[in-house]
Amino acid sequence: MTNWADYNEALRQRGSLTVWFTDESIAAWKAAPR
């Protein structure tokens, strides 16, 4: 892919993406220390 602006716009035109997390996955989420 060489035309990133067109590619990004095509992704936006596809619609939305919803991601669901279980309570267990949220409780187990560990962020790396900064």
N, C-alpha and C. Protein backbone atom coordinates (compact mmCIF):
# COMPACT_ATOMS: atom_id res chain seq x y z
N MET A 1 0.86 -1.17 0.00
CA MET A 1 0.00 0.00 0.00
C MET A 1 0.90 1.23 0.00
N THR A 2 0.67 2.11 -0.95
CA THR A 2 1.49 3.32 -1.04
C THR A 2 0.69 4.59 -0.81
N ASN A 3 -0.62 4.53 -0.95
CA ASN A 3 -1.44 5.72 -0.74
C ASN A 3 -2.18 5.57 0.58
N TRP A 4 -1.48 5.93 1.67
CA TRP A 4 -2.03 5.70 3.01
C TRP A 4 -3.26 6.55 3.29
N ALA A 5 -3.33 7.74 2.72
CA ALA A 5 -4.51 8.59 2.95
C ALA A 5 -5.77 7.92 2.40
N ASP A 6 -5.68 7.37 1.19
CA ASP A 6 -6.84 6.68 0.61
C ASP A 6 -7.17 5.41 1.40
N TYR A 7 -6.14 4.71 1.83
CA TYR A 7 -6.34 3.48 2.60
C TYR A 7 -7.05 3.79 3.92
N ASN A 8 -6.59 4.80 4.62
CA ASN A 8 -7.22 5.18 5.89
C ASN A 8 -8.66 5.61 5.68
N GLU A 9 -8.91 6.36 4.62
CA GLU A 9 -10.28 6.79 4.34
C GLU A 9 -11.17 5.60 4.02
N ALA A 10 -10.65 4.63 3.29
CA ALA A 10 -11.43 3.42 2.98
C ALA A 10 -11.79 2.67 4.26
N LEU A 11 -10.87 2.62 5.20
CA LEU A 11 -11.18 1.97 6.49
C LEU A 11 -12.27 2.72 7.23
N ARG A 12 -12.21 4.04 7.21
CA ARG A 12 -13.25 4.83 7.88
C ARG A 12 -14.61 4.62 7.23
N GLN A 13 -14.65 4.44 5.92
CA GLN A 13 -15.90 4.25 5.20
C GLN A 13 -16.55 2.90 5.50
N ARG A 14 -15.79 1.95 6.02
CA ARG A 14 -16.34 0.62 6.30
C ARG A 14 -17.33 0.64 7.45
N GLY A 15 -17.18 1.57 8.37
CA GLY A 15 -18.08 1.63 9.51
C GLY A 15 -17.33 1.47 10.81
N SER A 16 -18.04 1.09 11.85
CA SER A 16 -17.44 1.01 13.18
C SER A 16 -17.10 -0.43 13.55
N LEU A 17 -16.22 -0.54 14.49
CA LEU A 17 -15.82 -1.83 15.02
C LEU A 17 -15.99 -1.78 16.53
N THR A 18 -16.78 -2.68 17.08
CA THR A 18 -16.99 -2.75 18.51
C THR A 18 -16.24 -3.94 19.06
N VAL A 19 -15.49 -3.71 20.12
CA VAL A 19 -14.72 -4.78 20.77
C VAL A 19 -15.25 -4.92 22.19
N TRP A 20 -15.60 -6.12 22.57
CA TRP A 20 -16.12 -6.38 23.90
C TRP A 20 -15.06 -7.09 24.73
N PHE A 21 -14.86 -6.64 25.95
CA PHE A 21 -13.94 -7.26 26.90
C PHE A 21 -14.74 -7.86 28.04
N THR A 22 -14.35 -9.05 28.46
CA THR A 22 -15.00 -9.66 29.62
C THR A 22 -14.47 -9.00 30.89
N ASP A 23 -15.24 -9.10 31.97
CA ASP A 23 -14.78 -8.56 33.25
C ASP A 23 -13.47 -9.23 33.68
N GLU A 24 -13.33 -10.52 33.37
CA GLU A 24 -12.11 -11.23 33.74
C GLU A 24 -10.90 -10.68 32.99
N SER A 25 -11.07 -10.38 31.72
CA SER A 25 -9.93 -9.85 30.96
C SER A 25 -9.54 -8.46 31.44
N ILE A 26 -10.52 -7.66 31.83
CA ILE A 26 -10.23 -6.32 32.34
C ILE A 26 -9.50 -6.43 33.68
N ALA A 27 -9.94 -7.34 34.54
CA ALA A 27 -9.31 -7.51 35.85
C ALA A 27 -7.88 -8.01 35.71
N ALA A 28 -7.60 -8.79 34.68
CA ALA A 28 -6.27 -9.36 34.49
C ALA A 28 -5.35 -8.44 33.69
N TRP A 29 -5.88 -7.33 33.17
CA TRP A 29 -5.08 -6.44 32.34
C TRP A 29 -3.98 -5.79 33.17
N LYS A 30 -2.75 -5.95 32.75
CA LYS A 30 -1.62 -5.36 33.46
C LYS A 30 -0.84 -4.48 32.48
N ALA A 31 -0.84 -3.20 32.74
CA ALA A 31 -0.09 -2.27 31.90
C ALA A 31 1.39 -2.32 32.28
N ALA A 32 2.24 -2.19 31.30
CA ALA A 32 3.68 -2.16 31.56
C ALA A 32 4.02 -0.87 32.29
N PRO A 33 4.87 -0.95 33.33
CA PRO A 33 5.26 0.28 34.03
C PRO A 33 6.03 1.22 33.11
N ARG A 34 5.88 2.49 33.33
CA ARG A 34 6.57 3.49 32.52
C ARG A 34 7.69 4.12 33.29
